[in-house]
N, C-alpha and C. Protein backbone atom coordinates (compact mmCIF):
# COMPACT_ATOMS: atom_id res chain seq x y z
N MET A 1 0.84 -1.19 0.00
CA MET A 1 0.00 0.00 0.00
C MET A 1 0.88 1.25 0.00
N ALA A 2 0.60 2.17 -0.92
CA ALA A 2 1.35 3.42 -0.97
C ALA A 2 1.08 4.23 0.30
N PHE A 3 2.01 5.09 0.64
CA PHE A 3 1.86 5.88 1.85
C PHE A 3 2.31 7.30 1.56
N SER A 4 1.58 8.29 2.12
CA SER A 4 1.91 9.68 1.81
C SER A 4 1.46 10.60 2.93
N THR A 5 1.89 11.86 2.84
CA THR A 5 1.47 12.89 3.77
C THR A 5 1.06 14.12 2.97
N GLU A 6 0.12 14.89 3.50
CA GLU A 6 -0.39 16.06 2.79
C GLU A 6 0.09 17.34 3.45
N ILE A 7 0.60 18.25 2.63
CA ILE A 7 1.03 19.56 3.10
C ILE A 7 0.03 20.59 2.62
N ASP A 8 -0.73 21.15 3.53
CA ASP A 8 -1.77 22.12 3.20
C ASP A 8 -1.25 23.53 3.42
N LEU A 9 -1.53 24.43 2.49
CA LEU A 9 -1.06 25.80 2.62
C LEU A 9 -1.55 26.46 3.90
N THR A 10 -2.78 26.14 4.31
CA THR A 10 -3.34 26.75 5.51
C THR A 10 -2.65 26.26 6.78
N ALA A 11 -1.96 25.12 6.68
CA ALA A 11 -1.27 24.56 7.85
C ALA A 11 0.11 25.16 8.03
N LEU A 12 0.61 25.83 7.00
CA LEU A 12 1.93 26.43 7.07
C LEU A 12 1.84 27.81 7.72
N ALA A 13 1.53 27.83 9.01
CA ALA A 13 1.31 29.09 9.72
C ALA A 13 2.51 30.02 9.64
N VAL A 14 3.70 29.44 9.59
CA VAL A 14 4.91 30.26 9.59
C VAL A 14 5.02 31.10 8.32
N THR A 15 4.31 30.71 7.27
CA THR A 15 4.42 31.43 6.01
C THR A 15 3.10 32.09 5.60
N THR A 16 2.19 32.21 6.54
CA THR A 16 0.87 32.72 6.22
C THR A 16 0.89 34.07 5.50
N ASP A 17 1.64 35.04 6.04
CA ASP A 17 1.68 36.37 5.42
C ASP A 17 2.21 36.29 4.00
N ARG A 18 3.28 35.57 3.80
CA ARG A 18 3.87 35.46 2.47
C ARG A 18 2.95 34.72 1.52
N LEU A 19 2.25 33.72 2.05
CA LEU A 19 1.32 32.96 1.21
C LEU A 19 0.16 33.85 0.77
N ASN A 20 -0.30 34.70 1.67
CA ASN A 20 -1.38 35.62 1.31
C ASN A 20 -0.94 36.56 0.19
N GLU A 21 0.32 36.99 0.27
CA GLU A 21 0.86 37.85 -0.78
C GLU A 21 0.90 37.10 -2.10
N LEU A 22 1.35 35.86 -2.02
CA LEU A 22 1.48 35.06 -3.24
C LEU A 22 0.11 34.76 -3.86
N GLN A 23 -0.87 34.53 -3.01
CA GLN A 23 -2.20 34.24 -3.53
C GLN A 23 -2.72 35.41 -4.37
N LYS A 24 -2.31 36.62 -3.98
CA LYS A 24 -2.72 37.80 -4.74
C LYS A 24 -1.91 37.93 -6.03
N LEU A 25 -0.64 37.53 -5.96
CA LEU A 25 0.24 37.67 -7.11
C LEU A 25 0.12 36.54 -8.13
N LEU A 26 -0.17 35.35 -7.62
CA LEU A 26 -0.25 34.20 -8.51
C LEU A 26 -1.68 33.94 -8.96
N LYS A 27 -1.82 33.71 -10.25
CA LYS A 27 -3.14 33.38 -10.77
C LYS A 27 -3.45 31.91 -10.49
N ARG A 28 -2.41 31.10 -10.48
CA ARG A 28 -2.57 29.67 -10.20
C ARG A 28 -1.57 29.26 -9.12
N PRO A 29 -2.04 28.58 -8.06
CA PRO A 29 -1.14 28.18 -6.97
C PRO A 29 -0.33 26.92 -7.26
N ARG A 30 -0.63 26.24 -8.36
CA ARG A 30 0.02 24.96 -8.63
C ARG A 30 1.55 25.04 -8.67
N PRO A 31 2.15 26.03 -9.32
CA PRO A 31 3.62 26.11 -9.33
C PRO A 31 4.20 26.25 -7.92
N LEU A 32 3.53 27.04 -7.07
CA LEU A 32 3.98 27.22 -5.70
C LEU A 32 3.89 25.90 -4.93
N LEU A 33 2.76 25.22 -5.07
CA LEU A 33 2.57 23.95 -4.37
C LEU A 33 3.56 22.90 -4.84
N THR A 34 3.82 22.89 -6.14
CA THR A 34 4.79 21.93 -6.68
C THR A 34 6.17 22.19 -6.12
N ALA A 35 6.56 23.46 -6.03
CA ALA A 35 7.87 23.83 -5.48
C ALA A 35 7.98 23.41 -4.01
N ILE A 36 6.90 23.62 -3.25
CA ILE A 36 6.90 23.23 -1.85
C ILE A 36 7.01 21.70 -1.73
N GLY A 37 6.27 21.00 -2.59
CA GLY A 37 6.31 19.54 -2.57
C GLY A 37 7.70 19.00 -2.89
N LEU A 38 8.33 19.56 -3.91
CA LEU A 38 9.67 19.11 -4.29
C LEU A 38 10.68 19.39 -3.19
N LYS A 39 10.49 20.50 -2.50
CA LYS A 39 11.38 20.82 -1.38
C LYS A 39 11.21 19.79 -0.27
N ASN A 40 9.97 19.39 0.00
CA ASN A 40 9.73 18.40 1.04
C ASN A 40 10.25 17.02 0.63
N VAL A 41 10.24 16.73 -0.66
CA VAL A 41 10.84 15.48 -1.13
C VAL A 41 12.33 15.47 -0.77
N GLU A 42 13.00 16.58 -1.04
CA GLU A 42 14.42 16.72 -0.70
C GLU A 42 14.63 16.57 0.80
N GLN A 43 13.76 17.18 1.59
CA GLN A 43 13.88 17.12 3.06
C GLN A 43 13.66 15.69 3.56
N THR A 44 12.67 15.01 2.97
CA THR A 44 12.37 13.65 3.40
C THR A 44 13.51 12.70 3.05
N ARG A 45 14.06 12.82 1.86
CA ARG A 45 15.18 11.96 1.48
C ARG A 45 16.39 12.20 2.37
N ARG A 46 16.54 13.42 2.86
CA ARG A 46 17.66 13.74 3.73
C ARG A 46 17.57 12.95 5.04
N ARG A 47 16.37 12.61 5.47
CA ARG A 47 16.20 11.86 6.71
C ARG A 47 16.81 10.46 6.62
N PHE A 48 16.85 9.92 5.42
CA PHE A 48 17.44 8.60 5.25
C PHE A 48 18.96 8.65 5.46
N ASP A 49 19.54 9.81 5.26
CA ASP A 49 20.99 9.97 5.48
C ASP A 49 21.30 10.24 6.95
N THR A 50 20.37 10.95 7.63
CA THR A 50 20.59 11.26 9.05
C THR A 50 19.94 10.22 9.98
N ALA A 51 19.08 9.35 9.41
CA ALA A 51 18.38 8.31 10.18
C ALA A 51 17.61 8.91 11.35
N THR A 52 16.88 10.00 11.06
CA THR A 52 16.10 10.66 12.10
C THR A 52 14.67 10.92 11.62
N ALA A 53 13.74 10.97 12.57
CA ALA A 53 12.35 11.27 12.29
C ALA A 53 12.16 12.78 12.17
N PRO A 54 11.01 13.24 11.67
CA PRO A 54 10.76 14.68 11.58
C PRO A 54 10.90 15.41 12.91
N ASN A 55 10.63 14.72 14.02
CA ASN A 55 10.74 15.38 15.33
C ASN A 55 12.17 15.36 15.88
N GLY A 56 13.10 14.83 15.09
CA GLY A 56 14.50 14.83 15.50
C GLY A 56 14.96 13.57 16.22
N SER A 57 14.04 12.69 16.57
CA SER A 57 14.43 11.46 17.26
C SER A 57 15.13 10.50 16.29
N ALA A 58 16.06 9.74 16.81
CA ALA A 58 16.85 8.82 15.98
C ALA A 58 16.06 7.55 15.69
N TRP A 59 16.19 7.04 14.47
CA TRP A 59 15.59 5.76 14.13
C TRP A 59 16.32 4.65 14.86
N LYS A 60 15.62 3.57 15.12
CA LYS A 60 16.27 2.39 15.67
C LYS A 60 17.21 1.82 14.61
N PRO A 61 18.47 1.58 14.95
CA PRO A 61 19.44 1.08 13.96
C PRO A 61 19.04 -0.28 13.39
N THR A 62 19.50 -0.56 12.20
CA THR A 62 19.26 -1.86 11.58
C THR A 62 19.94 -2.95 12.40
N SER A 63 19.25 -4.04 12.61
CA SER A 63 19.81 -5.13 13.42
C SER A 63 20.99 -5.78 12.71
N GLU A 64 21.85 -6.40 13.50
CA GLU A 64 23.01 -7.11 12.94
C GLU A 64 22.54 -8.25 12.05
N PHE A 65 21.42 -8.87 12.41
CA PHE A 65 20.87 -9.95 11.60
C PHE A 65 20.53 -9.47 10.20
N SER A 66 19.86 -8.30 10.12
CA SER A 66 19.47 -7.75 8.82
C SER A 66 20.70 -7.30 8.02
N LEU A 67 21.65 -6.68 8.70
CA LEU A 67 22.85 -6.21 8.02
C LEU A 67 23.64 -7.38 7.43
N SER A 68 23.67 -8.49 8.16
CA SER A 68 24.45 -9.64 7.70
C SER A 68 23.86 -10.29 6.46
N SER A 69 22.58 -10.01 6.17
CA SER A 69 21.95 -10.62 5.01
C SER A 69 22.01 -9.73 3.77
N ARG A 70 22.58 -8.53 3.92
CA ARG A 70 22.70 -7.63 2.79
C ARG A 70 23.92 -8.00 1.94
N PRO A 71 23.70 -8.38 0.69
CA PRO A 71 24.83 -8.73 -0.17
C PRO A 71 25.78 -7.55 -0.35
N GLY A 72 27.06 -7.78 -0.09
CA GLY A 72 28.05 -6.74 -0.31
C GLY A 72 27.88 -5.55 0.61
N GLY A 73 27.20 -5.75 1.76
CA GLY A 73 27.02 -4.63 2.69
C GLY A 73 26.12 -3.56 2.11
N GLY A 74 25.04 -3.97 1.47
CA GLY A 74 24.13 -3.04 0.82
C GLY A 74 23.74 -1.86 1.68
N GLY A 75 23.75 -0.66 1.09
CA GLY A 75 23.36 0.54 1.80
C GLY A 75 24.42 1.06 2.74
N GLY A 76 25.60 0.45 2.72
CA GLY A 76 26.67 0.91 3.60
C GLY A 76 26.31 0.78 5.07
N GLY A 77 25.37 -0.12 5.38
CA GLY A 77 24.97 -0.31 6.77
C GLY A 77 23.96 0.71 7.25
N LYS A 78 23.51 1.61 6.36
CA LYS A 78 22.56 2.64 6.76
C LYS A 78 21.15 2.07 6.89
N THR A 79 20.43 2.55 7.88
CA THR A 79 19.07 2.09 8.13
C THR A 79 18.13 2.48 6.98
N LEU A 80 17.29 1.53 6.56
CA LEU A 80 16.33 1.69 5.47
C LEU A 80 17.00 2.02 4.12
N GLN A 81 18.26 1.62 3.99
CA GLN A 81 18.95 1.88 2.72
C GLN A 81 19.68 0.64 2.22
N ASP A 82 18.99 -0.49 2.27
CA ASP A 82 19.55 -1.72 1.73
C ASP A 82 19.94 -1.51 0.27
N ARG A 83 18.94 -1.24 -0.57
CA ARG A 83 19.18 -0.92 -1.98
C ARG A 83 18.80 0.52 -2.31
N GLY A 84 18.32 1.25 -1.31
CA GLY A 84 17.98 2.65 -1.52
C GLY A 84 16.68 2.89 -2.25
N LEU A 85 15.86 1.85 -2.40
CA LEU A 85 14.63 1.99 -3.18
C LEU A 85 13.59 2.87 -2.49
N LEU A 86 13.46 2.75 -1.17
CA LEU A 86 12.47 3.55 -0.46
C LEU A 86 12.82 5.02 -0.53
N LYS A 87 14.07 5.35 -0.30
CA LYS A 87 14.53 6.74 -0.38
C LYS A 87 14.27 7.32 -1.77
N LYS A 88 14.62 6.56 -2.81
CA LYS A 88 14.46 7.03 -4.18
C LYS A 88 12.99 7.15 -4.58
N SER A 89 12.12 6.40 -3.88
CA SER A 89 10.70 6.40 -4.27
C SER A 89 9.93 7.61 -3.77
N ILE A 90 10.51 8.38 -2.83
CA ILE A 90 9.81 9.55 -2.29
C ILE A 90 9.61 10.56 -3.41
N ARG A 91 8.38 11.02 -3.58
CA ARG A 91 8.06 11.93 -4.68
C ARG A 91 6.78 12.73 -4.40
N VAL A 92 6.55 13.72 -5.23
CA VAL A 92 5.27 14.44 -5.18
C VAL A 92 4.27 13.55 -5.90
N THR A 93 3.26 13.10 -5.19
CA THR A 93 2.29 12.18 -5.78
C THR A 93 1.03 12.87 -6.29
N GLN A 94 0.76 14.07 -5.75
CA GLN A 94 -0.44 14.79 -6.21
C GLN A 94 -0.38 16.25 -5.78
N VAL A 95 -0.85 17.13 -6.66
CA VAL A 95 -0.97 18.55 -6.34
C VAL A 95 -2.45 18.90 -6.41
N ARG A 96 -3.01 19.36 -5.28
CA ARG A 96 -4.43 19.68 -5.21
C ARG A 96 -4.64 21.19 -5.27
N ALA A 97 -5.85 21.61 -5.01
CA ALA A 97 -6.18 23.04 -5.11
C ALA A 97 -5.40 23.89 -4.12
N SER A 98 -5.24 23.39 -2.89
CA SER A 98 -4.53 24.18 -1.88
C SER A 98 -3.55 23.34 -1.07
N SER A 99 -3.18 22.18 -1.60
CA SER A 99 -2.25 21.32 -0.87
C SER A 99 -1.46 20.46 -1.85
N VAL A 100 -0.38 19.89 -1.34
CA VAL A 100 0.46 19.00 -2.14
C VAL A 100 0.72 17.74 -1.32
N ILE A 101 0.75 16.60 -1.98
CA ILE A 101 0.94 15.32 -1.30
C ILE A 101 2.29 14.73 -1.69
N VAL A 102 3.05 14.36 -0.67
CA VAL A 102 4.36 13.76 -0.84
C VAL A 102 4.35 12.37 -0.22
N GLY A 103 4.89 11.39 -0.92
CA GLY A 103 4.90 10.05 -0.36
C GLY A 103 5.65 9.06 -1.21
N SER A 104 5.37 7.78 -0.97
CA SER A 104 6.02 6.69 -1.70
C SER A 104 4.97 5.72 -2.21
N PRO A 105 5.12 5.21 -3.44
CA PRO A 105 4.17 4.24 -3.97
C PRO A 105 4.51 2.81 -3.56
N LEU A 106 5.63 2.60 -2.88
CA LEU A 106 6.06 1.25 -2.54
C LEU A 106 5.14 0.63 -1.50
N ILE A 107 4.84 -0.64 -1.68
CA ILE A 107 3.88 -1.34 -0.84
C ILE A 107 4.33 -1.41 0.63
N TYR A 108 5.64 -1.40 0.86
CA TYR A 108 6.14 -1.54 2.23
C TYR A 108 6.47 -0.21 2.90
N SER A 109 6.15 0.90 2.24
CA SER A 109 6.50 2.21 2.80
C SER A 109 5.77 2.49 4.12
N ARG A 110 4.50 2.16 4.19
CA ARG A 110 3.72 2.46 5.40
C ARG A 110 4.25 1.73 6.64
N ILE A 111 4.56 0.44 6.50
CA ILE A 111 4.98 -0.30 7.69
C ILE A 111 6.34 0.17 8.19
N HIS A 112 7.21 0.65 7.31
CA HIS A 112 8.48 1.18 7.77
C HIS A 112 8.29 2.52 8.48
N HIS A 113 7.31 3.30 8.02
CA HIS A 113 7.03 4.58 8.66
C HIS A 113 6.34 4.39 10.01
N GLU A 114 5.35 3.51 10.07
CA GLU A 114 4.54 3.34 11.27
C GLU A 114 5.01 2.20 12.16
N GLY A 115 5.76 1.26 11.59
CA GLY A 115 6.15 0.07 12.34
C GLY A 115 5.01 -0.94 12.36
N GLY A 116 5.31 -2.17 12.73
CA GLY A 116 4.26 -3.18 12.78
C GLY A 116 4.82 -4.59 12.74
N THR A 117 3.92 -5.54 12.67
CA THR A 117 4.30 -6.95 12.65
C THR A 117 3.90 -7.58 11.33
N ILE A 118 4.82 -8.29 10.71
CA ILE A 118 4.56 -9.01 9.47
C ILE A 118 4.41 -10.49 9.78
N ARG A 119 3.30 -11.07 9.36
CA ARG A 119 3.04 -12.50 9.55
C ARG A 119 2.74 -13.14 8.19
N PRO A 120 2.98 -14.43 8.05
CA PRO A 120 2.68 -15.11 6.78
C PRO A 120 1.19 -15.19 6.54
N ARG A 121 0.80 -15.08 5.27
CA ARG A 121 -0.62 -15.17 4.90
C ARG A 121 -0.99 -16.56 4.40
N ASN A 122 -0.14 -17.09 3.54
CA ASN A 122 -0.46 -18.37 2.90
C ASN A 122 0.58 -19.44 3.18
N ALA A 123 1.28 -19.32 4.27
CA ALA A 123 2.30 -20.29 4.66
C ALA A 123 2.42 -20.32 6.18
N LYS A 124 3.12 -21.32 6.70
CA LYS A 124 3.30 -21.44 8.14
C LYS A 124 4.37 -20.49 8.65
N ASN A 125 5.33 -20.17 7.78
CA ASN A 125 6.45 -19.32 8.19
C ASN A 125 6.78 -18.26 7.15
N LEU A 126 7.41 -17.20 7.60
CA LEU A 126 8.03 -16.24 6.70
C LEU A 126 9.42 -16.77 6.37
N ALA A 127 9.87 -16.57 5.15
CA ALA A 127 11.20 -17.01 4.74
C ALA A 127 12.06 -15.77 4.50
N ILE A 128 13.04 -15.54 5.36
CA ILE A 128 13.91 -14.37 5.27
C ILE A 128 15.15 -14.73 4.46
N PRO A 129 15.33 -14.15 3.27
CA PRO A 129 16.49 -14.50 2.44
C PRO A 129 17.80 -14.08 3.07
N ARG A 130 18.81 -14.95 2.92
CA ARG A 130 20.12 -14.69 3.51
C ARG A 130 21.24 -14.58 2.47
N THR A 131 20.89 -14.80 1.21
CA THR A 131 21.89 -14.73 0.15
C THR A 131 21.32 -13.98 -1.04
N THR A 132 22.20 -13.60 -1.96
CA THR A 132 21.76 -12.92 -3.17
C THR A 132 20.82 -13.80 -3.98
N ALA A 133 21.15 -15.08 -4.10
CA ALA A 133 20.31 -16.02 -4.86
C ALA A 133 18.92 -16.11 -4.25
N ALA A 134 18.86 -16.15 -2.93
CA ALA A 134 17.57 -16.27 -2.25
C ALA A 134 16.73 -15.01 -2.41
N ARG A 135 17.37 -13.88 -2.47
CA ARG A 135 16.64 -12.61 -2.60
C ARG A 135 15.98 -12.47 -3.96
N ARG A 136 16.43 -13.24 -4.93
CA ARG A 136 15.92 -13.12 -6.30
C ARG A 136 14.63 -13.87 -6.54
N THR A 137 14.21 -14.69 -5.59
CA THR A 137 13.00 -15.47 -5.79
C THR A 137 12.38 -15.83 -4.45
N SER A 138 11.22 -16.43 -4.48
CA SER A 138 10.57 -16.87 -3.25
C SER A 138 11.18 -18.18 -2.78
N ALA A 139 10.97 -18.49 -1.52
CA ALA A 139 11.51 -19.74 -0.98
C ALA A 139 10.90 -20.94 -1.69
N ARG A 140 9.62 -20.84 -2.01
CA ARG A 140 8.95 -21.95 -2.69
C ARG A 140 9.57 -22.20 -4.06
N ASN A 141 9.79 -21.14 -4.82
CA ASN A 141 10.40 -21.30 -6.14
C ASN A 141 11.84 -21.77 -6.03
N TYR A 142 12.53 -21.28 -5.01
CA TYR A 142 13.93 -21.71 -4.82
C TYR A 142 14.00 -23.21 -4.60
N MET A 143 13.09 -23.74 -3.79
CA MET A 143 13.07 -25.18 -3.52
C MET A 143 12.79 -25.97 -4.78
N LYS A 144 11.93 -25.46 -5.65
CA LYS A 144 11.56 -26.16 -6.88
C LYS A 144 12.70 -26.16 -7.90
N ARG A 145 13.43 -25.03 -7.97
CA ARG A 145 14.42 -24.85 -9.02
C ARG A 145 15.82 -25.32 -8.65
N ASN A 146 16.06 -25.56 -7.36
CA ASN A 146 17.41 -25.92 -6.93
C ASN A 146 17.43 -27.34 -6.37
N LYS A 147 17.97 -28.25 -7.15
CA LYS A 147 18.05 -29.64 -6.74
C LYS A 147 18.94 -29.78 -5.51
N GLY A 148 18.43 -30.44 -4.53
CA GLY A 148 19.19 -30.64 -3.31
C GLY A 148 18.86 -29.64 -2.22
N ALA A 149 18.09 -28.60 -2.55
CA ALA A 149 17.68 -27.64 -1.52
C ALA A 149 16.78 -28.36 -0.51
N ARG A 150 16.96 -28.05 0.75
CA ARG A 150 16.23 -28.80 1.78
C ARG A 150 15.98 -27.95 3.03
N PHE A 151 15.02 -28.43 3.82
CA PHE A 151 14.72 -27.79 5.10
C PHE A 151 15.72 -28.27 6.15
N LEU A 152 16.04 -27.39 7.08
CA LEU A 152 16.82 -27.77 8.25
C LEU A 152 15.88 -27.73 9.45
N PHE A 153 15.96 -28.74 10.32
CA PHE A 153 15.03 -28.86 11.43
C PHE A 153 15.77 -28.70 12.77
N ASN A 154 15.04 -28.12 13.76
CA ASN A 154 15.62 -28.00 15.09
C ASN A 154 15.35 -29.27 15.89
N LYS A 155 15.70 -29.25 17.17
CA LYS A 155 15.55 -30.45 18.01
C LYS A 155 14.10 -30.87 18.18
N LYS A 156 13.19 -29.90 17.98
CA LYS A 156 11.77 -30.21 18.11
C LYS A 156 11.16 -30.64 16.78
N ARG A 157 12.04 -30.86 15.80
CA ARG A 157 11.63 -31.30 14.45
C ARG A 157 10.79 -30.25 13.73
N LYS A 158 11.06 -29.00 14.02
CA LYS A 158 10.38 -27.91 13.33
C LYS A 158 11.38 -27.22 12.40
N PRO A 159 10.95 -26.92 11.18
CA PRO A 159 11.88 -26.29 10.22
C PRO A 159 12.27 -24.88 10.66
N TRP A 160 13.56 -24.58 10.58
CA TRP A 160 14.01 -23.24 10.97
C TRP A 160 14.80 -22.55 9.85
N ALA A 161 15.14 -23.32 8.80
CA ALA A 161 15.90 -22.73 7.70
C ALA A 161 15.78 -23.59 6.44
N ILE A 162 16.16 -22.97 5.31
CA ILE A 162 16.26 -23.69 4.04
C ILE A 162 17.70 -23.55 3.57
N ALA A 163 18.32 -24.67 3.23
CA ALA A 163 19.71 -24.66 2.79
C ALA A 163 19.82 -25.22 1.38
N ASN A 164 20.92 -24.87 0.70
CA ASN A 164 21.17 -25.45 -0.62
C ASN A 164 21.81 -26.83 -0.44
N LYS A 165 22.14 -27.48 -1.54
CA LYS A 165 22.64 -28.85 -1.46
C LYS A 165 23.97 -28.97 -0.72
N SER A 166 24.72 -27.88 -0.65
CA SER A 166 25.99 -27.91 0.06
C SER A 166 25.84 -27.58 1.54
N GLY A 167 24.62 -27.24 1.94
CA GLY A 167 24.35 -26.96 3.34
C GLY A 167 24.37 -25.49 3.71
N LYS A 168 24.63 -24.59 2.73
CA LYS A 168 24.65 -23.16 3.04
C LYS A 168 23.22 -22.65 3.21
N ILE A 169 22.98 -21.94 4.30
CA ILE A 169 21.63 -21.44 4.58
C ILE A 169 21.24 -20.35 3.59
N GLN A 170 20.06 -20.51 3.00
CA GLN A 170 19.52 -19.55 2.03
C GLN A 170 18.39 -18.71 2.63
N TYR A 171 17.59 -19.32 3.48
CA TYR A 171 16.46 -18.63 4.12
C TYR A 171 16.39 -19.03 5.59
N ILE A 172 16.01 -18.06 6.43
CA ILE A 172 15.68 -18.32 7.83
C ILE A 172 14.16 -18.29 7.92
N LEU A 173 13.58 -19.28 8.58
CA LEU A 173 12.13 -19.36 8.72
C LEU A 173 11.70 -18.84 10.09
N THR A 174 10.66 -18.02 10.11
CA THR A 174 10.17 -17.44 11.36
C THR A 174 8.67 -17.20 11.28
N LYS A 175 8.02 -17.17 12.41
CA LYS A 175 6.57 -16.99 12.46
C LYS A 175 6.16 -15.54 12.21
N LYS A 176 7.04 -14.61 12.54
CA LYS A 176 6.71 -13.20 12.36
C LYS A 176 7.98 -12.36 12.36
N VAL A 177 7.85 -11.13 11.87
CA VAL A 177 8.95 -10.17 11.88
C VAL A 177 8.42 -8.85 12.41
N GLU A 178 9.10 -8.30 13.40
CA GLU A 178 8.71 -7.01 13.98
C GLU A 178 9.49 -5.89 13.27
N ILE A 179 8.77 -4.94 12.68
CA ILE A 179 9.39 -3.82 12.00
C ILE A 179 9.32 -2.59 12.91
N PRO A 180 10.46 -2.02 13.31
CA PRO A 180 10.44 -0.84 14.18
C PRO A 180 9.83 0.37 13.47
N ARG A 181 9.26 1.25 14.25
CA ARG A 181 8.71 2.49 13.71
C ARG A 181 9.85 3.44 13.37
N ARG A 182 9.92 3.86 12.10
CA ARG A 182 10.95 4.80 11.66
C ARG A 182 10.30 5.87 10.78
N PRO A 183 9.69 6.88 11.39
CA PRO A 183 8.97 7.92 10.63
C PRO A 183 9.91 8.69 9.69
N PHE A 184 9.48 8.83 8.45
CA PHE A 184 10.27 9.62 7.50
C PHE A 184 9.44 10.71 6.82
N LEU A 185 8.13 10.56 6.80
CA LEU A 185 7.27 11.58 6.21
C LEU A 185 6.84 12.59 7.27
N GLY A 186 6.65 13.84 6.86
CA GLY A 186 6.27 14.89 7.79
C GLY A 186 7.21 16.07 7.67
N MET A 187 7.07 17.03 8.56
CA MET A 187 7.90 18.23 8.51
C MET A 187 8.44 18.60 9.88
N SER A 188 9.72 18.92 9.91
CA SER A 188 10.38 19.35 11.14
C SER A 188 10.38 20.87 11.20
N THR A 189 10.84 21.41 12.32
CA THR A 189 10.96 22.86 12.45
C THR A 189 11.89 23.41 11.37
N ARG A 190 12.97 22.70 11.14
CA ARG A 190 13.91 23.11 10.10
C ARG A 190 13.24 23.10 8.73
N ASP A 191 12.41 22.08 8.49
CA ASP A 191 11.71 21.99 7.20
C ASP A 191 10.81 23.20 6.99
N PHE A 192 10.08 23.59 8.05
CA PHE A 192 9.20 24.76 7.95
C PHE A 192 10.01 26.02 7.63
N ARG A 193 11.15 26.16 8.26
CA ARG A 193 11.99 27.34 8.00
C ARG A 193 12.48 27.35 6.56
N GLU A 194 12.87 26.21 6.06
CA GLU A 194 13.36 26.12 4.68
C GLU A 194 12.25 26.45 3.68
N ILE A 195 11.04 25.97 3.96
CA ILE A 195 9.93 26.26 3.07
C ILE A 195 9.55 27.73 3.18
N ASP A 196 9.65 28.28 4.38
CA ASP A 196 9.40 29.71 4.57
C ASP A 196 10.35 30.52 3.69
N SER A 197 11.61 30.12 3.68
CA SER A 197 12.62 30.79 2.86
C SER A 197 12.33 30.61 1.38
N LEU A 198 11.90 29.41 1.02
CA LEU A 198 11.57 29.13 -0.38
C LEU A 198 10.42 30.01 -0.86
N VAL A 199 9.37 30.10 -0.03
CA VAL A 199 8.20 30.90 -0.39
C VAL A 199 8.58 32.38 -0.50
N THR A 200 9.46 32.83 0.40
CA THR A 200 9.93 34.22 0.34
C THR A 200 10.63 34.51 -0.98
N ASP A 201 11.48 33.60 -1.40
CA ASP A 201 12.21 33.76 -2.66
C ASP A 201 11.26 33.80 -3.85
N ILE A 202 10.27 32.91 -3.81
CA ILE A 202 9.28 32.87 -4.92
C ILE A 202 8.48 34.17 -4.94
N ALA A 203 8.11 34.68 -3.76
CA ALA A 203 7.33 35.91 -3.67
C ALA A 203 8.11 37.08 -4.26
N ARG A 204 9.41 37.13 -3.98
CA ARG A 204 10.24 38.21 -4.51
C ARG A 204 10.34 38.15 -6.03
N LYS A 205 10.49 36.94 -6.54
CA LYS A 205 10.61 36.76 -7.99
C LYS A 205 9.31 37.15 -8.69
N VAL A 206 8.19 36.75 -8.09
CA VAL A 206 6.89 37.06 -8.69
C VAL A 206 6.64 38.56 -8.64
N ALA A 207 6.97 39.17 -7.51
CA ALA A 207 6.75 40.62 -7.35
C ALA A 207 7.64 41.43 -8.28
N ALA A 208 8.80 40.87 -8.64
CA ALA A 208 9.74 41.60 -9.49
C ALA A 208 9.35 41.57 -10.96
N LYS A 209 8.42 40.68 -11.31
CA LYS A 209 8.02 40.57 -12.72
C LYS A 209 7.13 41.75 -13.13
């Protein structure tokens, strides 16, 4: 499910006076809203580099287990930057009459922002890939396509992993995965100041025409 946040002009109290000026100067607010949206895209992507929420709190670091499964140290060990897809997906998704929406179309964007628990829907376990080969397909397909692939069982005779024919673990099996809350959408005090400055610059340019 895609996830997004809406920035409404009326909510930007810090820029109210300048916005009122612009409303008089601009025949159409769309260029202003688009500029504000693009600025917030830049601000949101910056959070992936600082690993902080809009309120300044630090994200929970990526676990050693997750880092160890990243081929070649994907993302340089940075949180939510395995392949950088979530960061790159942040965009202006819609410009409305008096607001702009910024978000991500990726199905897993919401759970990373809000946190939550992932459980299997059509299987007994989730299969967490541990190798590049495993990441390229589902555990079910991997078992079908790789001769000698097999389940590994614990002392209670319950499957805990899938290995290839040489015994190297390809998937870890688990009943659920807890995803920490790592907010990335929204606006910080710094973001408001930057947009205030942006609107001021636009107002000057429009007034100078």
